[in-house]
Amino acid sequence: MMDGLNIVEQRRLTAEEWQRHFDEQPKSGKRVNEYCTENGLTIHKFYYWRTRLRELAGESTGSSFVECRMQEAAPGCPVVLECTGGYLLRIAAGFDERTLKRLLGVLAKC
């Protein structure tokens, strides 16, 4: 123990071991951060290896874009944005762009 930190050396997991974690995490009913904490995994490695294995399997890992057609909205009507995962955002006029960007970033991780 050094300065109150417990340093533990972790061995590298094989691709098969990572895949087992990716299969087990949704079955556990726990969020990724909870699952990682309980299983001694770091969140950044979890996401890195999930992306890496998907790439090796030939799956799409990037965000996909869809065409949007804007129509003139009636004054006072919010813009409605339907996101992957079933989220529906109603964005009123005068919204804060930084807050919206942060919110979309959080939703992208869900």
N, C-alpha and C. Protein backbone atom coordinates (compact mmCIF):
# COMPACT_ATOMS: atom_id res chain seq x y z
N MET A 1 0.86 -1.16 0.00
CA MET A 1 0.00 0.00 0.00
C MET A 1 0.90 1.23 0.00
N MET A 2 0.56 2.19 -0.87
CA MET A 2 1.39 3.37 -1.01
C MET A 2 0.49 4.60 -0.99
N ASP A 3 0.70 5.49 -0.04
CA ASP A 3 -0.11 6.71 0.10
C ASP A 3 -1.61 6.39 0.14
N GLY A 4 -2.00 5.34 0.82
CA GLY A 4 -3.41 4.99 0.93
C GLY A 4 -3.98 4.30 -0.30
N LEU A 5 -3.14 4.03 -1.30
CA LEU A 5 -3.62 3.36 -2.50
C LEU A 5 -3.21 1.91 -2.48
N ASN A 6 -4.11 1.06 -2.82
CA ASN A 6 -3.80 -0.36 -2.91
C ASN A 6 -3.56 -0.67 -4.38
N ILE A 7 -2.34 -0.97 -4.74
CA ILE A 7 -1.98 -1.23 -6.13
C ILE A 7 -1.99 -2.73 -6.35
N VAL A 8 -2.84 -3.15 -7.29
CA VAL A 8 -2.97 -4.57 -7.59
C VAL A 8 -2.61 -4.76 -9.06
N GLU A 9 -1.75 -5.70 -9.31
CA GLU A 9 -1.39 -6.00 -10.70
C GLU A 9 -2.40 -6.99 -11.23
N GLN A 10 -3.01 -6.65 -12.37
CA GLN A 10 -4.03 -7.51 -12.95
C GLN A 10 -3.47 -8.15 -14.21
N ARG A 11 -3.69 -9.43 -14.35
CA ARG A 11 -3.22 -10.10 -15.56
C ARG A 11 -4.10 -9.72 -16.73
N ARG A 12 -3.58 -9.86 -17.91
CA ARG A 12 -4.33 -9.53 -19.12
C ARG A 12 -5.35 -10.63 -19.39
N LEU A 13 -6.53 -10.22 -19.79
CA LEU A 13 -7.57 -11.18 -20.13
C LEU A 13 -7.45 -11.54 -21.60
N THR A 14 -7.83 -12.75 -21.92
CA THR A 14 -7.84 -13.18 -23.32
C THR A 14 -9.11 -12.65 -23.98
N ALA A 15 -9.14 -12.69 -25.30
CA ALA A 15 -10.33 -12.25 -26.04
C ALA A 15 -11.55 -13.08 -25.62
N GLU A 16 -11.34 -14.37 -25.38
CA GLU A 16 -12.44 -15.24 -24.96
C GLU A 16 -12.97 -14.84 -23.59
N GLU A 17 -12.07 -14.45 -22.69
CA GLU A 17 -12.50 -14.01 -21.36
C GLU A 17 -13.28 -12.70 -21.45
N TRP A 18 -12.83 -11.79 -22.29
CA TRP A 18 -13.56 -10.54 -22.47
C TRP A 18 -14.94 -10.83 -23.05
N GLN A 19 -15.00 -11.71 -24.04
CA GLN A 19 -16.29 -12.02 -24.65
C GLN A 19 -17.24 -12.61 -23.62
N ARG A 20 -16.73 -13.42 -22.72
CA ARG A 20 -17.57 -13.98 -21.65
C ARG A 20 -18.15 -12.85 -20.80
N HIS A 21 -17.33 -11.84 -20.48
CA HIS A 21 -17.82 -10.70 -19.71
C HIS A 21 -18.90 -9.93 -20.49
N PHE A 22 -18.70 -9.76 -21.81
CA PHE A 22 -19.69 -9.04 -22.61
C PHE A 22 -21.01 -9.80 -22.68
N ASP A 23 -20.93 -11.13 -22.64
CA ASP A 23 -22.14 -11.94 -22.64
C ASP A 23 -22.82 -11.92 -21.27
N GLU A 24 -22.03 -11.90 -20.21
CA GLU A 24 -22.56 -11.98 -18.85
C GLU A 24 -23.10 -10.65 -18.31
N GLN A 25 -22.50 -9.55 -18.72
CA GLN A 25 -22.91 -8.25 -18.16
C GLN A 25 -24.40 -7.96 -18.34
N PRO A 26 -24.98 -8.11 -19.54
CA PRO A 26 -26.42 -7.83 -19.66
C PRO A 26 -27.28 -8.81 -18.86
N LYS A 27 -26.83 -10.06 -18.78
CA LYS A 27 -27.57 -11.06 -18.01
C LYS A 27 -27.57 -10.75 -16.52
N SER A 28 -26.54 -10.03 -16.07
CA SER A 28 -26.42 -9.71 -14.65
C SER A 28 -27.46 -8.68 -14.21
N GLY A 29 -27.99 -7.92 -15.17
CA GLY A 29 -28.94 -6.88 -14.83
C GLY A 29 -28.29 -5.64 -14.25
N LYS A 30 -26.97 -5.61 -14.26
CA LYS A 30 -26.22 -4.49 -13.69
C LYS A 30 -25.74 -3.57 -14.80
N ARG A 31 -25.58 -2.31 -14.45
CA ARG A 31 -24.98 -1.36 -15.38
C ARG A 31 -23.52 -1.72 -15.55
N VAL A 32 -22.94 -1.25 -16.65
CA VAL A 32 -21.56 -1.59 -16.96
C VAL A 32 -20.62 -1.22 -15.82
N ASN A 33 -20.78 -0.02 -15.26
CA ASN A 33 -19.86 0.40 -14.20
C ASN A 33 -19.97 -0.51 -12.97
N GLU A 34 -21.19 -0.93 -12.62
CA GLU A 34 -21.37 -1.84 -11.47
C GLU A 34 -20.76 -3.21 -11.76
N TYR A 35 -21.03 -3.71 -12.96
CA TYR A 35 -20.50 -5.02 -13.35
C TYR A 35 -18.97 -5.00 -13.32
N CYS A 36 -18.39 -3.94 -13.89
CA CYS A 36 -16.92 -3.85 -13.93
C CYS A 36 -16.33 -3.80 -12.52
N THR A 37 -16.93 -2.99 -11.65
CA THR A 37 -16.43 -2.88 -10.28
C THR A 37 -16.48 -4.24 -9.59
N GLU A 38 -17.58 -4.94 -9.72
CA GLU A 38 -17.74 -6.24 -9.05
C GLU A 38 -16.83 -7.31 -9.61
N ASN A 39 -16.41 -7.15 -10.87
CA ASN A 39 -15.58 -8.16 -11.52
C ASN A 39 -14.13 -7.74 -11.69
N GLY A 40 -13.74 -6.62 -11.05
CA GLY A 40 -12.35 -6.18 -11.10
C GLY A 40 -11.90 -5.70 -12.47
N LEU A 41 -12.83 -5.14 -13.25
CA LEU A 41 -12.49 -4.65 -14.58
C LEU A 41 -12.52 -3.13 -14.58
N THR A 42 -11.74 -2.53 -15.45
CA THR A 42 -11.82 -1.08 -15.60
C THR A 42 -12.80 -0.79 -16.73
N ILE A 43 -13.56 0.27 -16.56
CA ILE A 43 -14.59 0.61 -17.53
C ILE A 43 -13.98 0.91 -18.89
N HIS A 44 -12.86 1.66 -18.91
CA HIS A 44 -12.29 2.01 -20.21
C HIS A 44 -11.80 0.78 -20.97
N LYS A 45 -11.26 -0.22 -20.25
CA LYS A 45 -10.84 -1.46 -20.93
C LYS A 45 -12.05 -2.25 -21.40
N PHE A 46 -13.11 -2.24 -20.60
CA PHE A 46 -14.34 -2.93 -20.99
C PHE A 46 -14.82 -2.40 -22.34
N TYR A 47 -14.95 -1.07 -22.46
CA TYR A 47 -15.44 -0.49 -23.71
C TYR A 47 -14.43 -0.65 -24.84
N TYR A 48 -13.14 -0.55 -24.52
CA TYR A 48 -12.12 -0.73 -25.55
C TYR A 48 -12.23 -2.12 -26.16
N TRP A 49 -12.25 -3.13 -25.31
CA TRP A 49 -12.28 -4.50 -25.81
C TRP A 49 -13.60 -4.86 -26.47
N ARG A 50 -14.70 -4.28 -26.01
CA ARG A 50 -15.98 -4.53 -26.66
C ARG A 50 -15.94 -4.00 -28.09
N THR A 51 -15.41 -2.78 -28.24
CA THR A 51 -15.29 -2.20 -29.57
C THR A 51 -14.32 -3.00 -30.42
N ARG A 52 -13.20 -3.35 -29.85
CA ARG A 52 -12.16 -4.10 -30.59
C ARG A 52 -12.68 -5.44 -31.09
N LEU A 53 -13.38 -6.18 -30.24
CA LEU A 53 -13.89 -7.49 -30.65
C LEU A 53 -15.00 -7.36 -31.68
N ARG A 54 -15.78 -6.31 -31.59
CA ARG A 54 -16.81 -6.08 -32.62
C ARG A 54 -16.16 -5.77 -33.96
N GLU A 55 -15.08 -4.98 -33.92
CA GLU A 55 -14.37 -4.67 -35.16
C GLU A 55 -13.80 -5.95 -35.77
N LEU A 56 -13.20 -6.79 -34.95
CA LEU A 56 -12.63 -8.04 -35.45
C LEU A 56 -13.69 -8.97 -36.02
N ALA A 57 -14.91 -8.88 -35.47
CA ALA A 57 -16.01 -9.71 -35.96
C ALA A 57 -16.68 -9.08 -37.19
N GLY A 58 -16.22 -7.88 -37.56
CA GLY A 58 -16.79 -7.22 -38.72
C GLY A 58 -18.08 -6.47 -38.45
N GLU A 59 -18.39 -6.26 -37.18
CA GLU A 59 -19.61 -5.52 -36.83
C GLU A 59 -19.33 -4.03 -36.89
N SER A 60 -20.37 -3.28 -37.15
CA SER A 60 -20.26 -1.83 -37.15
C SER A 60 -20.13 -1.35 -35.71
N THR A 61 -19.17 -0.46 -35.45
CA THR A 61 -18.98 0.06 -34.10
C THR A 61 -19.19 1.55 -34.02
N GLY A 62 -19.21 2.20 -35.15
CA GLY A 62 -19.34 3.65 -35.14
C GLY A 62 -20.79 4.09 -35.05
N SER A 63 -20.94 5.35 -34.82
CA SER A 63 -22.28 5.92 -34.83
C SER A 63 -22.78 5.94 -36.25
N SER A 64 -24.05 5.75 -36.40
CA SER A 64 -24.60 5.84 -37.73
C SER A 64 -25.44 7.11 -37.82
N PHE A 65 -25.46 7.69 -38.98
CA PHE A 65 -26.20 8.90 -39.19
C PHE A 65 -27.42 8.59 -40.03
N VAL A 66 -28.48 9.26 -39.75
CA VAL A 66 -29.69 9.12 -40.54
C VAL A 66 -30.08 10.49 -41.06
N GLU A 67 -30.72 10.50 -42.19
CA GLU A 67 -31.14 11.76 -42.79
C GLU A 67 -32.27 12.36 -41.97
N CYS A 68 -32.17 13.62 -41.73
CA CYS A 68 -33.22 14.35 -41.01
C CYS A 68 -33.77 15.41 -41.93
N ARG A 69 -35.06 15.52 -41.93
CA ARG A 69 -35.70 16.59 -42.70
C ARG A 69 -36.41 17.49 -41.72
N MET A 70 -36.02 18.73 -41.73
CA MET A 70 -36.61 19.71 -40.81
C MET A 70 -37.81 20.36 -41.47
N GLN A 71 -38.84 20.51 -40.69
CA GLN A 71 -40.01 21.23 -41.16
C GLN A 71 -40.19 22.44 -40.26
N GLU A 72 -40.78 23.43 -40.79
CA GLU A 72 -41.04 24.64 -40.01
C GLU A 72 -41.97 24.27 -38.87
N ALA A 73 -41.55 24.53 -37.67
CA ALA A 73 -42.37 24.23 -36.49
C ALA A 73 -43.18 25.45 -36.12
N ALA A 74 -44.32 25.19 -35.56
CA ALA A 74 -45.15 26.29 -35.07
C ALA A 74 -44.44 26.94 -33.90
N PRO A 75 -44.59 28.24 -33.74
CA PRO A 75 -43.94 28.93 -32.61
C PRO A 75 -44.32 28.28 -31.28
N GLY A 76 -43.32 28.06 -30.45
CA GLY A 76 -43.55 27.47 -29.13
C GLY A 76 -43.55 25.96 -29.12
N CYS A 77 -43.54 25.32 -30.30
CA CYS A 77 -43.52 23.86 -30.35
C CYS A 77 -42.07 23.38 -30.22
N PRO A 78 -41.83 22.37 -29.40
CA PRO A 78 -40.46 21.88 -29.26
C PRO A 78 -40.06 21.02 -30.44
N VAL A 79 -38.75 20.91 -30.64
CA VAL A 79 -38.21 19.94 -31.59
C VAL A 79 -38.20 18.61 -30.85
N VAL A 80 -38.62 17.55 -31.51
CA VAL A 80 -38.65 16.24 -30.89
C VAL A 80 -37.58 15.39 -31.55
N LEU A 81 -36.71 14.81 -30.75
CA LEU A 81 -35.62 13.98 -31.23
C LEU A 81 -35.80 12.59 -30.67
N GLU A 82 -35.94 11.60 -31.55
CA GLU A 82 -36.09 10.21 -31.11
C GLU A 82 -34.72 9.55 -31.24
N CYS A 83 -34.23 9.03 -30.12
CA CYS A 83 -32.88 8.46 -30.07
C CYS A 83 -32.95 6.94 -29.99
N THR A 84 -31.86 6.31 -30.39
CA THR A 84 -31.72 4.88 -30.21
C THR A 84 -31.88 4.54 -28.74
N GLY A 85 -32.52 3.45 -28.45
CA GLY A 85 -32.74 3.07 -27.06
C GLY A 85 -34.11 3.51 -26.56
N GLY A 86 -34.89 4.14 -27.44
CA GLY A 86 -36.24 4.52 -27.07
C GLY A 86 -36.38 5.86 -26.38
N TYR A 87 -35.31 6.64 -26.31
CA TYR A 87 -35.39 7.95 -25.66
C TYR A 87 -36.03 8.95 -26.61
N LEU A 88 -36.89 9.76 -26.09
CA LEU A 88 -37.55 10.81 -26.85
C LEU A 88 -37.26 12.13 -26.16
N LEU A 89 -36.58 13.03 -26.86
CA LEU A 89 -36.21 14.32 -26.28
C LEU A 89 -37.06 15.42 -26.91
N ARG A 90 -37.66 16.24 -26.08
CA ARG A 90 -38.40 17.41 -26.54
C ARG A 90 -37.52 18.62 -26.21
N ILE A 91 -37.07 19.31 -27.24
CA ILE A 91 -36.12 20.39 -27.07
C ILE A 91 -36.81 21.72 -27.38
N ALA A 92 -36.96 22.51 -26.35
CA ALA A 92 -37.65 23.79 -26.49
C ALA A 92 -36.73 24.83 -27.11
N ALA A 93 -37.34 25.86 -27.68
CA ALA A 93 -36.57 26.97 -28.24
C ALA A 93 -35.70 27.58 -27.15
N GLY A 94 -34.51 28.00 -27.52
CA GLY A 94 -33.61 28.63 -26.56
C GLY A 94 -32.84 27.64 -25.70
N PHE A 95 -32.77 26.36 -26.12
CA PHE A 95 -32.05 25.35 -25.34
C PHE A 95 -30.57 25.67 -25.26
N ASP A 96 -29.92 25.11 -24.25
CA ASP A 96 -28.48 25.30 -24.07
C ASP A 96 -27.74 24.21 -24.84
N GLU A 97 -26.96 24.58 -25.85
CA GLU A 97 -26.28 23.62 -26.71
C GLU A 97 -25.31 22.72 -25.95
N ARG A 98 -24.58 23.27 -25.00
CA ARG A 98 -23.62 22.47 -24.24
C ARG A 98 -24.33 21.38 -23.45
N THR A 99 -25.46 21.74 -22.84
CA THR A 99 -26.21 20.76 -22.07
C THR A 99 -26.73 19.66 -22.97
N LEU A 100 -27.25 20.02 -24.14
CA LEU A 100 -27.74 19.02 -25.08
C LEU A 100 -26.62 18.08 -25.52
N LYS A 101 -25.44 18.62 -25.83
CA LYS A 101 -24.30 17.78 -26.23
C LYS A 101 -23.93 16.80 -25.12
N ARG A 102 -23.91 17.28 -23.87
CA ARG A 102 -23.58 16.40 -22.74
C ARG A 102 -24.63 15.31 -22.60
N LEU A 103 -25.90 15.67 -22.72
CA LEU A 103 -26.98 14.70 -22.60
C LEU A 103 -26.89 13.64 -23.69
N LEU A 104 -26.64 14.05 -24.93
CA LEU A 104 -26.51 13.09 -26.03
C LEU A 104 -25.32 12.16 -25.81
N GLY A 105 -24.23 12.69 -25.24
CA GLY A 105 -23.07 11.86 -24.92
C GLY A 105 -23.40 10.81 -23.89
N VAL A 106 -24.16 11.18 -22.89
CA VAL A 106 -24.57 10.22 -21.85
C VAL A 106 -25.48 9.16 -22.45
N LEU A 107 -26.45 9.57 -23.25
CA LEU A 107 -27.38 8.62 -23.86
C LEU A 107 -26.67 7.66 -24.80
N ALA A 108 -25.63 8.14 -25.46
CA ALA A 108 -24.89 7.27 -26.39
C ALA A 108 -24.20 6.13 -25.66
N LYS A 109 -23.91 6.30 -24.38
CA LYS A 109 -23.23 5.28 -23.59
C LYS A 109 -24.20 4.26 -22.99
N CYS A 110 -25.48 4.54 -23.05
CA CYS A 110 -26.49 3.65 -22.46
C CYS A 110 -26.76 2.46 -23.35
